[in-house]
Amino acid sequence: MSDLNTAMVEKYRSNFLKEVEANVEEGDWVKMCMQCGVCSGSCPLGNAWEHPPQEIFMMIRAGKRDEVLSSSSMWMCTSCYNCIVRCPRELPITHIMHGLAHYAKRLGLSPKEQPTAKFAQLFWDNLSKDGRVNELKLGLALYFMNGFGEGIKTSLKMKDIGLGMVKTKRMNVMEILGGHSVKDKSGFHAMLKKAAEIEEAKIQK
């Protein structure tokens, strides 16, 4: 158990709901779930979840801390927002699931299998460099994220679509050399650094 996780356990003891409310984005909404199951029924990946959202919320209220934070469920969310749109109580379910995943990662409790983690990290690395997404570099990174051989196969499979995008000027191959960035890149990086400091300070409280 990591030092941070131990500190959190000591701080909140058996009140996992209180811990979630204090440390997870929109976590204070968890207690509003009425267990109707519309969220899991609306999810395109609903049948693949280890624990659907309403079950995760029930487990939080039941104090099942380890089971929730080590679950792969939060990492299944692809941010389609169907659950939020259809929730009778308008719970920000997508935000909560991502918040739980982020919190579990901070505590060192996230599972080894994280279905969306690779994409999320590649997207963040791409965006945080220049303040804007370089779609060509991101696409190539996604093609090759599971190895060189797999990347070549995917690239060849998608070559006609890629050429079509270049011809219609929907993709600029020169972006591989750099691409657009925000005007004040140093200010953008300073903002990210400050946000990280604020989050770290919140953890240490």
N, C-alpha and C. Protein backbone atom coordinates (compact mmCIF):
# COMPACT_ATOMS: atom_id res chain seq x y z
N MET A 1 0.84 -1.20 0.00
CA MET A 1 0.00 0.00 0.00
C MET A 1 0.88 1.25 0.00
N SER A 2 0.63 2.19 -0.93
CA SER A 2 1.43 3.40 -1.02
C SER A 2 1.20 4.30 0.19
N ASP A 3 2.18 5.20 0.45
CA ASP A 3 2.06 6.13 1.57
C ASP A 3 0.83 7.02 1.41
N LEU A 4 0.56 7.45 0.17
CA LEU A 4 -0.60 8.31 -0.08
C LEU A 4 -1.89 7.56 0.21
N ASN A 5 -1.96 6.32 -0.25
CA ASN A 5 -3.16 5.51 0.00
C ASN A 5 -3.36 5.28 1.49
N THR A 6 -2.28 4.99 2.19
CA THR A 6 -2.36 4.78 3.65
C THR A 6 -2.87 6.03 4.34
N ALA A 7 -2.36 7.20 3.90
CA ALA A 7 -2.79 8.46 4.50
C ALA A 7 -4.27 8.70 4.27
N MET A 8 -4.74 8.36 3.07
CA MET A 8 -6.15 8.57 2.75
C MET A 8 -7.04 7.63 3.57
N VAL A 9 -6.60 6.40 3.74
CA VAL A 9 -7.37 5.45 4.56
C VAL A 9 -7.49 5.96 5.99
N GLU A 10 -6.36 6.45 6.52
CA GLU A 10 -6.36 6.97 7.88
C GLU A 10 -7.27 8.20 8.01
N LYS A 11 -7.24 9.03 6.99
CA LYS A 11 -8.00 10.28 7.04
C LYS A 11 -9.50 10.03 7.02
N TYR A 12 -9.95 9.11 6.18
CA TYR A 12 -11.39 8.89 6.00
C TYR A 12 -11.90 7.62 6.67
N ARG A 13 -10.96 6.76 7.07
CA ARG A 13 -11.30 5.51 7.72
C ARG A 13 -12.38 4.76 6.94
N SER A 14 -13.54 4.50 7.51
CA SER A 14 -14.55 3.66 6.84
C SER A 14 -15.52 4.45 5.98
N ASN A 15 -15.41 5.77 5.96
CA ASN A 15 -16.37 6.57 5.21
C ASN A 15 -15.86 6.84 3.79
N PHE A 16 -16.03 5.84 2.94
CA PHE A 16 -15.54 5.95 1.57
C PHE A 16 -16.33 6.98 0.77
N LEU A 17 -17.63 7.10 1.03
CA LEU A 17 -18.43 8.09 0.33
C LEU A 17 -17.89 9.49 0.58
N LYS A 18 -17.55 9.78 1.82
CA LYS A 18 -16.98 11.08 2.17
C LYS A 18 -15.66 11.30 1.45
N GLU A 19 -14.85 10.25 1.34
CA GLU A 19 -13.57 10.34 0.63
C GLU A 19 -13.79 10.66 -0.84
N VAL A 20 -14.76 10.00 -1.45
CA VAL A 20 -15.08 10.24 -2.86
C VAL A 20 -15.58 11.66 -3.06
N GLU A 21 -16.45 12.11 -2.18
CA GLU A 21 -16.99 13.47 -2.29
C GLU A 21 -15.88 14.52 -2.21
N ALA A 22 -14.85 14.24 -1.41
CA ALA A 22 -13.77 15.21 -1.20
C ALA A 22 -12.69 15.16 -2.27
N ASN A 23 -12.53 14.02 -2.95
CA ASN A 23 -11.37 13.85 -3.82
C ASN A 23 -11.67 13.52 -5.28
N VAL A 24 -12.94 13.26 -5.60
CA VAL A 24 -13.30 12.87 -6.96
C VAL A 24 -14.17 13.95 -7.59
N GLU A 25 -13.85 14.30 -8.82
CA GLU A 25 -14.64 15.31 -9.53
C GLU A 25 -16.13 14.93 -9.53
N GLU A 26 -16.97 15.86 -9.09
CA GLU A 26 -18.43 15.67 -9.02
C GLU A 26 -18.81 14.52 -8.10
N GLY A 27 -17.91 14.11 -7.20
CA GLY A 27 -18.17 12.97 -6.33
C GLY A 27 -19.35 13.15 -5.39
N ASP A 28 -19.72 14.40 -5.13
CA ASP A 28 -20.85 14.65 -4.23
C ASP A 28 -22.19 14.25 -4.84
N TRP A 29 -22.18 13.91 -6.14
CA TRP A 29 -23.42 13.48 -6.81
C TRP A 29 -23.70 11.99 -6.61
N VAL A 30 -22.71 11.23 -6.16
CA VAL A 30 -22.86 9.78 -6.04
C VAL A 30 -24.07 9.40 -5.20
N LYS A 31 -24.31 10.11 -4.12
CA LYS A 31 -25.42 9.78 -3.22
C LYS A 31 -26.79 10.05 -3.85
N MET A 32 -26.83 10.71 -5.01
CA MET A 32 -28.09 11.02 -5.68
C MET A 32 -28.57 9.89 -6.59
N CYS A 33 -27.71 8.89 -6.84
CA CYS A 33 -28.08 7.78 -7.73
C CYS A 33 -29.23 6.97 -7.12
N MET A 34 -30.28 6.72 -7.94
CA MET A 34 -31.43 5.97 -7.45
C MET A 34 -31.46 4.54 -8.00
N GLN A 35 -30.34 4.10 -8.59
CA GLN A 35 -30.16 2.71 -9.01
C GLN A 35 -31.15 2.25 -10.08
N CYS A 36 -31.49 3.14 -11.00
CA CYS A 36 -32.44 2.75 -12.05
C CYS A 36 -31.77 1.93 -13.15
N GLY A 37 -30.46 2.10 -13.36
CA GLY A 37 -29.74 1.33 -14.37
C GLY A 37 -29.80 1.89 -15.77
N VAL A 38 -30.39 3.07 -15.95
CA VAL A 38 -30.47 3.67 -17.28
C VAL A 38 -29.08 3.94 -17.84
N CYS A 39 -28.13 4.29 -16.97
CA CYS A 39 -26.77 4.59 -17.43
C CYS A 39 -26.12 3.38 -18.10
N SER A 40 -26.17 2.24 -17.44
CA SER A 40 -25.54 1.05 -18.01
C SER A 40 -26.30 0.56 -19.25
N GLY A 41 -27.62 0.77 -19.26
CA GLY A 41 -28.41 0.38 -20.43
C GLY A 41 -28.17 1.29 -21.62
N SER A 42 -27.67 2.50 -21.36
CA SER A 42 -27.41 3.47 -22.43
C SER A 42 -25.99 3.41 -22.95
N CYS A 43 -25.11 2.71 -22.22
CA CYS A 43 -23.69 2.68 -22.56
C CYS A 43 -23.40 1.72 -23.71
N PRO A 44 -22.69 2.16 -24.75
CA PRO A 44 -22.35 1.27 -25.86
C PRO A 44 -21.52 0.06 -25.42
N LEU A 45 -20.79 0.22 -24.30
CA LEU A 45 -19.95 -0.87 -23.78
C LEU A 45 -20.56 -1.48 -22.52
N GLY A 46 -21.87 -1.30 -22.34
CA GLY A 46 -22.54 -1.74 -21.13
C GLY A 46 -22.33 -3.20 -20.76
N ASN A 47 -22.26 -4.07 -21.76
CA ASN A 47 -22.12 -5.50 -21.47
C ASN A 47 -20.68 -5.90 -21.16
N ALA A 48 -19.75 -4.96 -21.25
CA ALA A 48 -18.34 -5.26 -21.01
C ALA A 48 -17.86 -4.76 -19.65
N TRP A 49 -18.72 -4.06 -18.92
CA TRP A 49 -18.31 -3.48 -17.64
C TRP A 49 -18.20 -4.56 -16.56
N GLU A 50 -17.15 -4.47 -15.76
CA GLU A 50 -17.03 -5.32 -14.58
C GLU A 50 -18.12 -4.94 -13.57
N HIS A 51 -18.29 -3.64 -13.37
CA HIS A 51 -19.35 -3.10 -12.53
C HIS A 51 -19.91 -1.88 -13.25
N PRO A 52 -21.18 -1.89 -13.66
CA PRO A 52 -21.76 -0.71 -14.32
C PRO A 52 -21.81 0.47 -13.35
N PRO A 53 -21.99 1.70 -13.87
CA PRO A 53 -21.93 2.89 -13.02
C PRO A 53 -22.81 2.84 -11.78
N GLN A 54 -24.07 2.43 -11.94
CA GLN A 54 -24.94 2.44 -10.76
C GLN A 54 -24.46 1.45 -9.69
N GLU A 55 -23.80 0.37 -10.13
CA GLU A 55 -23.26 -0.59 -9.17
C GLU A 55 -22.02 -0.01 -8.47
N ILE A 56 -21.20 0.73 -9.22
CA ILE A 56 -20.05 1.41 -8.63
C ILE A 56 -20.52 2.38 -7.55
N PHE A 57 -21.58 3.13 -7.85
CA PHE A 57 -22.10 4.11 -6.88
C PHE A 57 -22.64 3.41 -5.63
N MET A 58 -23.30 2.28 -5.83
CA MET A 58 -23.82 1.51 -4.70
C MET A 58 -22.66 0.99 -3.85
N MET A 59 -21.60 0.53 -4.50
CA MET A 59 -20.42 0.01 -3.80
C MET A 59 -19.72 1.11 -3.00
N ILE A 60 -19.70 2.31 -3.57
CA ILE A 60 -19.11 3.45 -2.84
C ILE A 60 -19.88 3.71 -1.57
N ARG A 61 -21.19 3.72 -1.67
CA ARG A 61 -22.02 4.00 -0.49
C ARG A 61 -21.94 2.86 0.51
N ALA A 62 -21.60 1.66 0.03
CA ALA A 62 -21.46 0.51 0.93
C ALA A 62 -20.06 0.43 1.53
N GLY A 63 -19.19 1.37 1.15
CA GLY A 63 -17.85 1.40 1.73
C GLY A 63 -16.87 0.41 1.13
N LYS A 64 -17.13 -0.10 -0.07
CA LYS A 64 -16.25 -1.10 -0.69
C LYS A 64 -15.12 -0.41 -1.44
N ARG A 65 -14.24 0.18 -0.68
CA ARG A 65 -13.17 1.03 -1.21
C ARG A 65 -12.23 0.29 -2.16
N ASP A 66 -11.65 -0.81 -1.70
CA ASP A 66 -10.68 -1.54 -2.50
C ASP A 66 -11.28 -2.07 -3.79
N GLU A 67 -12.51 -2.60 -3.68
CA GLU A 67 -13.17 -3.16 -4.85
C GLU A 67 -13.43 -2.08 -5.91
N VAL A 68 -13.80 -0.90 -5.47
CA VAL A 68 -14.08 0.19 -6.41
C VAL A 68 -12.81 0.72 -7.05
N LEU A 69 -11.83 1.07 -6.24
CA LEU A 69 -10.62 1.71 -6.76
C LEU A 69 -9.73 0.77 -7.58
N SER A 70 -9.88 -0.53 -7.39
CA SER A 70 -9.09 -1.48 -8.18
C SER A 70 -9.88 -2.03 -9.37
N SER A 71 -11.11 -1.56 -9.54
CA SER A 71 -11.95 -2.04 -10.63
C SER A 71 -11.49 -1.47 -11.97
N SER A 72 -11.70 -2.22 -13.03
CA SER A 72 -11.38 -1.74 -14.38
C SER A 72 -12.53 -0.94 -14.97
N SER A 73 -13.64 -0.88 -14.25
CA SER A 73 -14.86 -0.27 -14.79
C SER A 73 -14.66 1.18 -15.22
N MET A 74 -14.05 1.99 -14.36
CA MET A 74 -13.90 3.41 -14.67
C MET A 74 -13.11 3.64 -15.95
N TRP A 75 -12.23 2.67 -16.26
CA TRP A 75 -11.38 2.80 -17.44
C TRP A 75 -12.09 2.39 -18.72
N MET A 76 -13.33 1.91 -18.60
CA MET A 76 -14.12 1.53 -19.78
C MET A 76 -14.79 2.73 -20.42
N CYS A 77 -14.94 3.83 -19.67
CA CYS A 77 -15.68 4.99 -20.16
C CYS A 77 -14.98 5.66 -21.34
N THR A 78 -15.71 5.87 -22.44
CA THR A 78 -15.15 6.51 -23.63
C THR A 78 -15.69 7.91 -23.84
N SER A 79 -16.38 8.45 -22.83
CA SER A 79 -16.90 9.83 -22.86
C SER A 79 -17.92 10.07 -23.98
N CYS A 80 -18.81 9.12 -24.19
CA CYS A 80 -19.87 9.33 -25.19
C CYS A 80 -21.01 10.19 -24.63
N TYR A 81 -21.10 10.24 -23.30
CA TYR A 81 -22.07 11.06 -22.57
C TYR A 81 -23.53 10.60 -22.69
N ASN A 82 -23.76 9.41 -23.23
CA ASN A 82 -25.12 8.87 -23.27
C ASN A 82 -25.72 8.78 -21.88
N CYS A 83 -24.90 8.38 -20.91
CA CYS A 83 -25.40 8.19 -19.55
C CYS A 83 -25.88 9.50 -18.94
N ILE A 84 -25.13 10.57 -19.17
CA ILE A 84 -25.52 11.88 -18.62
C ILE A 84 -26.81 12.37 -19.26
N VAL A 85 -26.90 12.22 -20.57
CA VAL A 85 -28.08 12.69 -21.31
C VAL A 85 -29.34 11.98 -20.84
N ARG A 86 -29.22 10.69 -20.51
CA ARG A 86 -30.41 9.89 -20.21
C ARG A 86 -30.68 9.69 -18.72
N CYS A 87 -29.77 10.11 -17.87
CA CYS A 87 -29.98 9.93 -16.44
C CYS A 87 -31.16 10.76 -15.96
N PRO A 88 -32.17 10.14 -15.31
CA PRO A 88 -33.35 10.88 -14.83
C PRO A 88 -33.00 11.99 -13.84
N ARG A 89 -31.90 11.83 -13.13
CA ARG A 89 -31.49 12.84 -12.14
C ARG A 89 -30.32 13.69 -12.62
N GLU A 90 -29.96 13.51 -13.90
CA GLU A 90 -28.92 14.33 -14.53
C GLU A 90 -27.58 14.27 -13.79
N LEU A 91 -27.23 13.09 -13.30
CA LEU A 91 -25.95 12.92 -12.64
C LEU A 91 -24.81 13.05 -13.66
N PRO A 92 -23.71 13.71 -13.32
CA PRO A 92 -22.55 13.83 -14.23
C PRO A 92 -21.72 12.54 -14.21
N ILE A 93 -22.32 11.46 -14.67
CA ILE A 93 -21.73 10.13 -14.52
C ILE A 93 -20.37 10.01 -15.19
N THR A 94 -20.25 10.55 -16.40
CA THR A 94 -18.97 10.49 -17.12
C THR A 94 -17.86 11.14 -16.30
N HIS A 95 -18.15 12.30 -15.73
CA HIS A 95 -17.15 13.03 -14.95
C HIS A 95 -16.76 12.24 -13.70
N ILE A 96 -17.75 11.62 -13.07
CA ILE A 96 -17.47 10.83 -11.86
C ILE A 96 -16.59 9.63 -12.19
N MET A 97 -16.90 8.93 -13.27
CA MET A 97 -16.13 7.75 -13.63
C MET A 97 -14.68 8.12 -13.96
N HIS A 98 -14.48 9.20 -14.71
CA HIS A 98 -13.12 9.64 -15.00
C HIS A 98 -12.43 10.11 -13.73
N GLY A 99 -13.19 10.76 -12.85
CA GLY A 99 -12.63 11.22 -11.59
C GLY A 99 -12.18 10.07 -10.71
N LEU A 100 -12.95 9.01 -10.68
CA LEU A 100 -12.58 7.82 -9.91
C LEU A 100 -11.33 7.16 -10.48
N ALA A 101 -11.25 7.10 -11.81
CA ALA A 101 -10.08 6.52 -12.46
C ALA A 101 -8.82 7.33 -12.12
N HIS A 102 -8.96 8.64 -12.19
CA HIS A 102 -7.83 9.52 -11.89
C HIS A 102 -7.40 9.39 -10.43
N TYR A 103 -8.39 9.31 -9.54
CA TYR A 103 -8.08 9.19 -8.12
C TYR A 103 -7.40 7.85 -7.82
N ALA A 104 -7.90 6.78 -8.43
CA ALA A 104 -7.30 5.46 -8.23
C ALA A 104 -5.86 5.44 -8.73
N LYS A 105 -5.60 6.11 -9.84
CA LYS A 105 -4.23 6.18 -10.39
C LYS A 105 -3.32 6.94 -9.44
N ARG A 106 -3.81 8.05 -8.88
CA ARG A 106 -3.01 8.83 -7.94
C ARG A 106 -2.63 8.02 -6.70
N LEU A 107 -3.54 7.15 -6.29
CA LEU A 107 -3.30 6.34 -5.10
C LEU A 107 -2.50 5.08 -5.40
N GLY A 108 -2.25 4.82 -6.68
CA GLY A 108 -1.51 3.62 -7.06
C GLY A 108 -2.35 2.36 -6.98
N LEU A 109 -3.67 2.51 -7.13
CA LEU A 109 -4.58 1.36 -6.99
C LEU A 109 -5.24 0.94 -8.30
N SER A 110 -4.96 1.66 -9.38
CA SER A 110 -5.63 1.34 -10.64
C SER A 110 -5.17 -0.02 -11.15
N PRO A 111 -6.04 -0.76 -11.84
CA PRO A 111 -5.71 -2.09 -12.34
C PRO A 111 -4.69 -2.04 -13.47
N LYS A 112 -4.03 -3.15 -13.73
CA LYS A 112 -3.05 -3.20 -14.82
C LYS A 112 -3.74 -3.02 -16.16
N GLU A 113 -4.93 -3.60 -16.30
CA GLU A 113 -5.68 -3.48 -17.55
C GLU A 113 -6.56 -2.24 -17.48
N GLN A 114 -6.20 -1.22 -18.25
CA GLN A 114 -6.95 0.03 -18.29
C GLN A 114 -7.31 0.30 -19.74
N PRO A 115 -8.49 -0.11 -20.20
CA PRO A 115 -8.86 -0.06 -21.61
C PRO A 115 -8.66 1.28 -22.30
N THR A 116 -8.90 2.39 -21.62
CA THR A 116 -8.78 3.70 -22.28
C THR A 116 -7.55 4.48 -21.85
N ALA A 117 -6.73 3.91 -20.95
CA ALA A 117 -5.62 4.66 -20.38
C ALA A 117 -4.57 5.05 -21.43
N LYS A 118 -4.25 4.13 -22.34
CA LYS A 118 -3.24 4.43 -23.36
C LYS A 118 -3.66 5.62 -24.21
N PHE A 119 -4.92 5.59 -24.66
CA PHE A 119 -5.41 6.69 -25.49
C PHE A 119 -5.39 7.99 -24.71
N ALA A 120 -5.85 7.97 -23.46
CA ALA A 120 -5.90 9.17 -22.64
C ALA A 120 -4.51 9.77 -22.46
N GLN A 121 -3.51 8.93 -22.21
CA GLN A 121 -2.15 9.42 -22.01
C GLN A 121 -1.57 9.99 -23.30
N LEU A 122 -1.80 9.30 -24.42
CA LEU A 122 -1.32 9.80 -25.71
C LEU A 122 -1.96 11.13 -26.06
N PHE A 123 -3.27 11.24 -25.80
CA PHE A 123 -3.99 12.48 -26.08
C PHE A 123 -3.43 13.62 -25.23
N TRP A 124 -3.22 13.35 -23.92
CA TRP A 124 -2.72 14.37 -23.01
C TRP A 124 -1.30 14.80 -23.39
N ASP A 125 -0.43 13.85 -23.70
CA ASP A 125 0.94 14.17 -24.10
C ASP A 125 0.95 15.04 -25.35
N ASN A 126 0.06 14.74 -26.28
CA ASN A 126 -0.05 15.49 -27.52
C ASN A 126 -0.54 16.91 -27.25
N LEU A 127 -1.60 17.03 -26.48
CA LEU A 127 -2.21 18.33 -26.21
C LEU A 127 -1.32 19.22 -25.35
N SER A 128 -0.71 18.64 -24.31
CA SER A 128 0.03 19.45 -23.34
C SER A 128 1.34 20.01 -23.91
N LYS A 129 1.81 19.49 -25.01
CA LYS A 129 3.06 19.98 -25.59
C LYS A 129 2.90 21.38 -26.17
N ASP A 130 1.87 21.58 -27.00
CA ASP A 130 1.70 22.87 -27.69
C ASP A 130 0.38 23.57 -27.38
N GLY A 131 -0.47 22.93 -26.58
CA GLY A 131 -1.75 23.55 -26.24
C GLY A 131 -2.85 23.26 -27.23
N ARG A 132 -2.53 22.59 -28.31
CA ARG A 132 -3.51 22.17 -29.31
C ARG A 132 -3.18 20.75 -29.75
N VAL A 133 -4.21 20.03 -30.15
CA VAL A 133 -3.99 18.65 -30.59
C VAL A 133 -3.45 18.63 -32.01
N ASN A 134 -2.35 17.92 -32.19
CA ASN A 134 -1.81 17.67 -33.52
C ASN A 134 -2.41 16.34 -33.98
N GLU A 135 -3.45 16.41 -34.79
CA GLU A 135 -4.23 15.22 -35.14
C GLU A 135 -3.42 14.18 -35.89
N LEU A 136 -2.50 14.62 -36.74
CA LEU A 136 -1.69 13.67 -37.50
C LEU A 136 -0.78 12.88 -36.57
N LYS A 137 -0.09 13.58 -35.66
CA LYS A 137 0.80 12.91 -34.72
C LYS A 137 0.02 12.01 -33.77
N LEU A 138 -1.16 12.48 -33.33
CA LEU A 138 -1.98 11.67 -32.43
C LEU A 138 -2.44 10.41 -33.13
N GLY A 139 -2.89 10.54 -34.38
CA GLY A 139 -3.35 9.38 -35.13
C GLY A 139 -2.25 8.34 -35.31
N LEU A 140 -1.05 8.82 -35.66
CA LEU A 140 0.08 7.90 -35.83
C LEU A 140 0.46 7.23 -34.51
N ALA A 141 0.41 8.01 -33.42
CA ALA A 141 0.73 7.45 -32.11
C ALA A 141 -0.26 6.34 -31.75
N LEU A 142 -1.52 6.55 -32.09
CA LEU A 142 -2.55 5.54 -31.81
C LEU A 142 -2.33 4.29 -32.66
N TYR A 143 -1.94 4.47 -33.91
CA TYR A 143 -1.67 3.33 -34.79
C TYR A 143 -0.56 2.45 -34.23
N PHE A 144 0.46 3.10 -33.67
CA PHE A 144 1.66 2.37 -33.25
C PHE A 144 1.71 2.10 -31.74
N MET A 145 0.63 2.39 -31.01
CA MET A 145 0.69 2.26 -29.56
C MET A 145 0.80 0.80 -29.09
N ASN A 146 0.45 -0.15 -29.97
CA ASN A 146 0.56 -1.56 -29.59
C ASN A 146 1.72 -2.26 -30.29
N GLY A 147 2.69 -1.47 -30.77
CA GLY A 147 3.86 -2.07 -31.39
C GLY A 147 4.05 -1.65 -32.83
N PHE A 148 5.29 -1.78 -33.32
CA PHE A 148 5.63 -1.33 -34.67
C PHE A 148 4.90 -2.14 -35.73
N GLY A 149 4.89 -3.45 -35.56
CA GLY A 149 4.24 -4.31 -36.55
C GLY A 149 2.76 -4.00 -36.68
N GLU A 150 2.10 -3.84 -35.55
CA GLU A 150 0.66 -3.53 -35.56
C GLU A 150 0.43 -2.16 -36.19
N GLY A 151 1.35 -1.23 -35.93
CA GLY A 151 1.22 0.11 -36.50
C GLY A 151 1.31 0.11 -38.01
N ILE A 152 2.24 -0.69 -38.56
CA ILE A 152 2.40 -0.79 -40.02
C ILE A 152 1.13 -1.37 -40.64
N LYS A 153 0.60 -2.43 -40.01
CA LYS A 153 -0.62 -3.05 -40.52
C LYS A 153 -1.78 -2.06 -40.55
N THR A 154 -1.94 -1.31 -39.46
CA THR A 154 -3.04 -0.35 -39.36
C THR A 154 -2.85 0.78 -40.38
N SER A 155 -1.61 1.25 -40.52
CA SER A 155 -1.32 2.33 -41.48
C SER A 155 -1.66 1.91 -42.91
N LEU A 156 -1.27 0.70 -43.28
CA LEU A 156 -1.57 0.20 -44.62
C LEU A 156 -3.07 0.03 -44.83
N LYS A 157 -3.75 -0.40 -43.79
CA LYS A 157 -5.19 -0.59 -43.86
C LYS A 157 -5.91 0.75 -44.06
N MET A 158 -5.36 1.82 -43.47
CA MET A 158 -6.02 3.12 -43.50
C MET A 158 -5.45 4.06 -44.56
N LYS A 159 -4.55 3.57 -45.42
CA LYS A 159 -3.85 4.45 -46.36
C LYS A 159 -4.80 5.17 -47.32
N ASP A 160 -5.83 4.50 -47.81
CA ASP A 160 -6.76 5.13 -48.75
C ASP A 160 -7.52 6.28 -48.10
N ILE A 161 -7.91 6.07 -46.86
CA ILE A 161 -8.61 7.14 -46.13
C ILE A 161 -7.66 8.31 -45.90
N GLY A 162 -6.42 8.00 -45.54
CA GLY A 162 -5.43 9.04 -45.31
C GLY A 162 -5.16 9.86 -46.56
N LEU A 163 -4.98 9.18 -47.69
CA LEU A 163 -4.74 9.89 -48.95
C LEU A 163 -5.94 10.75 -49.33
N GLY A 164 -7.13 10.24 -49.07
CA GLY A 164 -8.34 11.01 -49.36
C GLY A 164 -8.40 12.28 -48.52
N MET A 165 -7.99 12.18 -47.26
CA MET A 165 -7.99 13.34 -46.38
C MET A 165 -6.96 14.38 -46.83
N VAL A 166 -5.81 13.90 -47.33
CA VAL A 166 -4.79 14.82 -47.83
C VAL A 166 -5.30 15.54 -49.07
N LYS A 167 -5.91 14.80 -50.00
CA LYS A 167 -6.41 15.39 -51.25
C LYS A 167 -7.48 16.43 -51.01
N THR A 168 -8.34 16.19 -50.03
CA THR A 168 -9.43 17.14 -49.73
C THR A 168 -9.02 18.18 -48.70
N LYS A 169 -7.72 18.20 -48.36
CA LYS A 169 -7.15 19.16 -47.41
C LYS A 169 -7.76 19.05 -46.01
N ARG A 170 -8.17 17.84 -45.67
CA ARG A 170 -8.66 17.58 -44.32
C ARG A 170 -7.51 17.17 -43.41
N MET A 171 -6.35 16.93 -44.00
CA MET A 171 -5.17 16.60 -43.22
C MET A 171 -3.94 17.19 -43.88
N ASN A 172 -3.11 17.84 -43.10
CA ASN A 172 -1.89 18.47 -43.60
C ASN A 172 -0.69 17.64 -43.15
N VAL A 173 -0.01 17.00 -44.11
CA VAL A 173 1.10 16.12 -43.77
C VAL A 173 2.26 16.89 -43.15
N MET A 174 2.31 18.23 -43.35
CA MET A 174 3.39 19.03 -42.78
C MET A 174 3.26 19.15 -41.25
N GLU A 175 2.10 18.76 -40.72
CA GLU A 175 1.92 18.81 -39.27
C GLU A 175 2.85 17.84 -38.55
N ILE A 176 3.40 16.90 -39.28
CA ILE A 176 4.34 15.96 -38.67
C ILE A 176 5.60 16.70 -38.21
N LEU A 177 5.85 17.88 -38.80
CA LEU A 177 7.02 18.68 -38.44
C LEU A 177 6.75 19.62 -37.27
N GLY A 178 5.48 19.79 -36.91
CA GLY A 178 5.18 20.69 -35.79
C GLY A 178 3.70 20.93 -35.63
N GLY A 179 3.12 21.71 -36.53
CA GLY A 179 1.70 22.02 -36.42
C GLY A 179 1.47 23.29 -35.62
N HIS A 180 0.21 23.57 -35.34
CA HIS A 180 -0.17 24.79 -34.64
C HIS A 180 0.07 24.66 -33.14
N SER A 181 0.26 25.80 -32.51
CA SER A 181 0.35 25.84 -31.05
C SER A 181 -0.37 27.08 -30.56
N VAL A 182 -0.66 27.14 -29.27
CA VAL A 182 -1.28 28.34 -28.70
C VAL A 182 -0.28 29.49 -28.79
N LYS A 183 -0.79 30.72 -28.78
CA LYS A 183 0.09 31.88 -28.91
C LYS A 183 1.07 31.99 -27.74
N ASP A 184 0.56 31.81 -26.53
CA ASP A 184 1.40 31.95 -25.34
C ASP A 184 1.69 30.56 -24.77
N LYS A 185 2.63 29.85 -25.40
CA LYS A 185 2.91 28.47 -24.99
C LYS A 185 3.54 28.41 -23.60
N SER A 186 4.40 29.38 -23.28
CA SER A 186 5.01 29.39 -21.95
C SER A 186 3.96 29.64 -20.88
N GLY A 187 3.00 30.51 -21.19
CA GLY A 187 1.91 30.77 -20.25
C GLY A 187 1.03 29.55 -20.06
N PHE A 188 0.82 28.83 -21.14
CA PHE A 188 0.03 27.60 -21.07
C PHE A 188 0.70 26.57 -20.19
N HIS A 189 2.02 26.39 -20.35
CA HIS A 189 2.76 25.44 -19.53
C HIS A 189 2.79 25.87 -18.07
N ALA A 190 2.87 27.19 -17.84
CA ALA A 190 2.84 27.70 -16.47
C ALA A 190 1.50 27.41 -15.81
N MET A 191 0.43 27.50 -16.59
CA MET A 191 -0.91 27.20 -16.09
C MET A 191 -1.03 25.73 -15.70
N LEU A 192 -0.50 24.84 -16.53
CA LEU A 192 -0.53 23.42 -16.23
C LEU A 192 0.28 23.10 -14.98
N LYS A 193 1.43 23.75 -14.86
CA LYS A 193 2.28 23.53 -13.68
C LYS A 193 1.57 23.99 -12.41
N LYS A 194 0.89 25.13 -12.48
CA LYS A 194 0.17 25.65 -11.32
C LYS A 194 -0.98 24.73 -10.95
N ALA A 195 -1.68 24.23 -11.94
CA ALA A 195 -2.79 23.31 -11.68
C ALA A 195 -2.29 22.04 -10.99
N ALA A 196 -1.11 21.55 -11.42
CA ALA A 196 -0.53 20.36 -10.79
C ALA A 196 -0.15 20.64 -9.34
N GLU A 197 0.36 21.84 -9.09
CA GLU A 197 0.73 22.22 -7.72
C GLU A 197 -0.49 22.31 -6.82
N ILE A 198 -1.58 22.86 -7.34
CA ILE A 198 -2.81 22.98 -6.57
C ILE A 198 -3.35 21.60 -6.23
N GLU A 199 -3.31 20.69 -7.22
CA GLU A 199 -3.81 19.33 -6.99
C GLU A 199 -2.95 18.60 -5.96
N GLU A 200 -1.63 18.79 -6.06
CA GLU A 200 -0.74 18.15 -5.11
C GLU A 200 -0.96 18.67 -3.69
N ALA A 201 -1.21 19.98 -3.59
CA ALA A 201 -1.48 20.58 -2.28
C ALA A 201 -2.77 20.05 -1.69
N LYS A 202 -3.75 19.82 -2.56
CA LYS A 202 -5.03 19.29 -2.10
C LYS A 202 -4.86 17.87 -1.57
N ILE A 203 -4.02 17.07 -2.24
CA ILE A 203 -3.78 15.70 -1.81
C ILE A 203 -3.12 15.66 -0.43
N GLN A 204 -2.19 16.62 -0.20
CA GLN A 204 -1.42 16.62 1.03
C GLN A 204 -2.22 17.10 2.25
N LYS A 205 -3.37 17.73 2.03
CA LYS A 205 -4.17 18.24 3.14
C LYS A 205 -4.72 17.10 4.00
